[in-house]
Structures are given as structure tokens and as C-alpha cells.
């Protein structure tokens, strides 16, 4: 068995895994085996390390990023203005919608921001209406007009 970093710590292999996977993931029959070979380890170790990195919250997510529009769906950025005393209740309501991702509190007049992803462009308005009805607050829909690609890489 390969050496594993103690809980709460990253070792050299963990760092190489994170840095390598930020550059992409192969599409092939055994992608984990291909990445593991590139890292000088084995497939089982790589999968185990990824599980630990997720469990210990070094990584919050490991998975594909889809372009919903190419699949017939839609994304939109949404803002809400919610009184501080009601923020927790409203966040619970908003987060209960499966179409909601990336819900964040901000220090701003519009203090709740989230991404809405739906299977069709028409569903955006429908889901926003349901959120408004359930929360009692208006949603400010800011659909994407133009897409820019900004490569974010966070070496560890």
C-alpha cells in the first residue's frame, strides 16, 4: 500500500493529483489508470486519494463541467435581497431546489447569489417563480449574454 498523508495534511502525491487534474481528465476506457500512470502510482491509490481529498474537504467537488446550453438546457446567475434575519430560512428554501448550485451569501445589498441550471431555457422563469413564491422575495435573473473563458488554476 502506498504511503498516505495523515488526516488533515497533503503530501506530495496529493499535491500532484490536484495540480494534474486541474489541467483536465482523459476521456478513455480507464481514465483513472491513465492519470495514475502519469503520476507514478496505481489506479486504486488514485481513486482512494480522491475519495480522501473529498471526504476531508480539500476538494469540494470532482466531476465534469457541462455546457448546459449545448445540451439544450440553460444557466443563469440570480441575485436576491434578503433581510439578514431571514437569510438562513431563505437559503434553506433556495438550496432545496435541485436546479440551484453555488449559492453564496455576499456583503452587498443583493446578499444572496446563486446559479440556476435547468433542462430547458424556458424552465428558468418557472423555477424562479417557484423560488419567489416559496421565499416571499423577488429573484433578479441575470442570464449570460456572452461567455468568456478564464482559466483558473490553483496550484498547491
Protein backbone atom coordinates (compact mmCIF):
# COMPACT_ATOMS: atom_id res chain seq x y z
CA UNK A 1 0.00 0.00 0.00
CA UNK A 2 1.29 3.45 -0.90
CA UNK A 3 2.11 5.95 1.83
CA UNK A 4 -0.89 8.16 2.60
CA UNK A 5 -0.80 11.59 4.19
CA UNK A 6 -2.19 11.83 7.71
CA UNK A 7 -5.71 13.20 8.08
CA UNK A 8 -5.77 16.95 7.60
CA UNK A 9 -2.50 17.07 5.62
CA UNK A 10 -1.50 16.99 1.96
CA UNK A 11 1.54 15.02 0.88
CA UNK A 12 3.47 15.26 -2.39
CA UNK A 13 1.21 12.78 -4.21
CA UNK A 14 -1.95 14.63 -3.10
CA UNK A 15 -0.46 17.86 -4.45
CA UNK A 16 0.49 16.23 -7.77
CA UNK A 17 -3.02 14.77 -8.09
CA UNK A 18 -4.68 18.16 -7.51
CA UNK A 19 -2.29 20.01 -9.80
CA UNK A 20 -2.54 17.41 -12.58
CA UNK A 21 -6.32 17.09 -12.56
CA UNK A 22 -6.78 20.86 -12.83
CA UNK A 23 -5.43 20.52 -16.37
CA UNK A 24 -8.08 18.03 -17.46
CA UNK A 25 -9.20 14.44 -17.24
CA UNK A 26 -8.79 11.96 -20.11
CA UNK A 27 -11.76 10.51 -21.94
CA UNK A 28 -10.82 6.88 -22.43
CA UNK A 29 -11.76 3.40 -21.21
CA UNK A 30 -9.74 3.68 -17.95
CA UNK A 31 -9.08 7.37 -17.26
CA UNK A 32 -8.06 6.84 -13.63
CA UNK A 33 -5.46 4.26 -14.69
CA UNK A 34 -4.08 6.66 -17.31
CA UNK A 35 -3.77 9.54 -14.81
CA UNK A 36 -2.32 7.20 -12.17
CA UNK A 37 0.40 6.05 -14.58
CA UNK A 38 1.21 9.69 -15.37
CA UNK A 39 1.54 10.33 -11.61
CA UNK A 40 3.66 7.23 -10.95
CA UNK A 41 1.01 5.47 -8.86
CA UNK A 42 -1.78 2.95 -9.45
CA UNK A 43 -5.46 3.35 -10.22
CA UNK A 44 -6.69 2.14 -6.82
CA UNK A 45 -4.41 4.58 -4.97
CA UNK A 46 -5.56 7.49 -7.12
CA UNK A 47 -9.25 6.70 -6.56
CA UNK A 48 -8.63 6.29 -2.81
CA UNK A 49 -6.76 9.59 -2.62
CA UNK A 50 -9.51 11.43 -4.46
CA UNK A 51 -12.05 10.00 -2.03
CA UNK A 52 -10.00 11.16 0.95
CA UNK A 53 -9.44 14.62 -0.54
CA UNK A 54 -13.20 14.95 -0.96
CA UNK A 55 -14.03 13.49 2.47
CA UNK A 56 -11.58 15.84 4.19
CA UNK A 57 -12.85 18.79 2.11
CA UNK A 58 -9.53 19.58 0.43
CA UNK A 59 -11.70 19.24 -2.68
CA UNK A 60 -15.36 20.18 -2.59
CA UNK A 61 -16.18 18.65 -5.95
CA UNK A 62 -14.61 16.37 -8.53
CA UNK A 63 -16.55 15.95 -11.73
CA UNK A 64 -17.23 17.28 -15.20
CA UNK A 65 -18.29 20.80 -16.05
CA UNK A 66 -21.10 20.70 -18.60
CA UNK A 67 -22.14 23.42 -21.00
CA UNK A 68 -25.87 23.25 -20.39
CA UNK A 69 -26.71 25.27 -23.48
CA UNK A 70 -25.07 22.68 -25.75
CA UNK A 71 -27.27 20.03 -24.12
CA UNK A 72 -30.44 22.07 -24.62
CA UNK A 73 -30.51 23.49 -21.10
CA UNK A 74 -29.78 26.87 -19.57
CA UNK A 75 -27.76 28.55 -16.82
CA UNK A 76 -28.45 31.86 -15.16
CA UNK A 77 -26.95 33.89 -12.33
CA UNK A 78 -29.57 35.00 -9.82
CA UNK A 79 -29.42 37.55 -7.02
CA UNK A 80 -31.78 38.13 -4.11
CA UNK A 81 -32.11 40.84 -1.50
CA UNK A 82 -32.95 39.07 1.78
CA UNK A 83 -33.05 40.65 5.26
CA UNK A 84 -30.23 39.26 7.43
CA UNK A 85 -32.67 37.78 9.92
CA UNK A 86 -34.38 35.75 7.19
CA UNK A 87 -31.28 34.67 5.28
CA UNK A 88 -30.99 31.20 6.80
CA UNK A 89 -34.66 30.37 6.11
CA UNK A 90 -34.47 31.59 2.52
CA UNK A 91 -31.15 29.82 1.89
CA UNK A 92 -32.81 26.58 3.02
CA UNK A 93 -35.66 27.12 0.58
CA UNK A 94 -33.40 28.09 -2.32
CA UNK A 95 -30.98 25.22 -1.68
CA UNK A 96 -33.92 22.81 -1.68
CA UNK A 97 -34.33 23.31 -5.42
CA UNK A 98 -32.33 20.72 -7.37
CA UNK A 99 -31.74 23.31 -10.10
CA UNK A 100 -29.75 25.55 -7.71
CA UNK A 101 -25.98 25.41 -7.40
CA UNK A 102 -23.29 27.63 -5.94
CA UNK A 103 -25.46 29.58 -3.50
CA UNK A 104 -23.37 32.20 -1.70
CA UNK A 105 -24.02 34.97 0.79
CA UNK A 106 -22.43 38.29 -0.15
CA UNK A 107 -21.85 41.51 1.76
CA UNK A 108 -23.91 43.67 -0.56
CA UNK A 109 -27.45 44.98 -0.91
CA UNK A 110 -28.05 41.86 -3.00
CA UNK A 111 -26.78 39.43 -0.41
CA UNK A 112 -27.72 36.03 -1.88
CA UNK A 113 -26.33 34.89 -5.24
CA UNK A 114 -26.77 31.50 -6.86
CA UNK A 115 -26.55 29.74 -10.20
CA UNK A 116 -29.68 28.20 -11.64
CA UNK A 117 -29.29 25.33 -14.12
CA UNK A 118 -32.33 23.94 -15.91
CA UNK A 119 -33.01 21.36 -18.60
CA UNK A 120 -34.61 23.94 -20.88
CA UNK A 121 -34.26 27.72 -21.22
CA UNK A 122 -37.99 28.10 -20.54
CA UNK A 123 -37.65 26.39 -17.16
CA UNK A 124 -35.54 29.26 -15.76
CA UNK A 125 -38.58 31.55 -15.35
CA UNK A 126 -40.71 28.71 -13.96
CA UNK A 127 -38.18 27.76 -11.28
CA UNK A 128 -37.55 31.40 -10.37
CA UNK A 129 -41.30 31.86 -9.92
CA UNK A 130 -41.42 28.88 -7.57
CA UNK A 131 -38.46 30.24 -5.57
CA UNK A 132 -40.11 33.67 -5.30
CA UNK A 133 -43.39 32.13 -4.18
CA UNK A 134 -41.73 29.87 -1.59
CA UNK A 135 -39.36 32.52 -0.21
CA UNK A 136 -41.51 35.63 -0.45
CA UNK A 137 -38.70 37.61 -2.12
CA UNK A 138 -38.07 38.57 -5.75
CA UNK A 139 -35.31 36.94 -7.75
CA UNK A 140 -33.19 39.08 -10.07
CA UNK A 141 -32.34 36.95 -13.08
CA UNK A 142 -29.09 37.77 -14.90
CA UNK A 143 -28.80 35.41 -17.86
CA UNK A 144 -25.50 35.02 -19.62
CA UNK A 145 -25.29 37.25 -22.68
CA UNK A 146 -21.76 36.37 -23.68
CA UNK A 147 -19.36 33.70 -22.47
CA UNK A 148 -15.74 34.30 -21.60
CA UNK A 149 -13.27 31.57 -20.76
CA UNK A 150 -11.00 32.45 -17.87
CA UNK A 151 -8.67 29.60 -16.98
CA UNK A 152 -8.48 29.32 -13.21
CA UNK A 153 -5.67 27.14 -11.94
CA UNK A 154 -4.81 26.99 -8.25
CA UNK A 155 -1.51 25.14 -7.83
CA UNK A 156 -0.93 23.52 -4.46
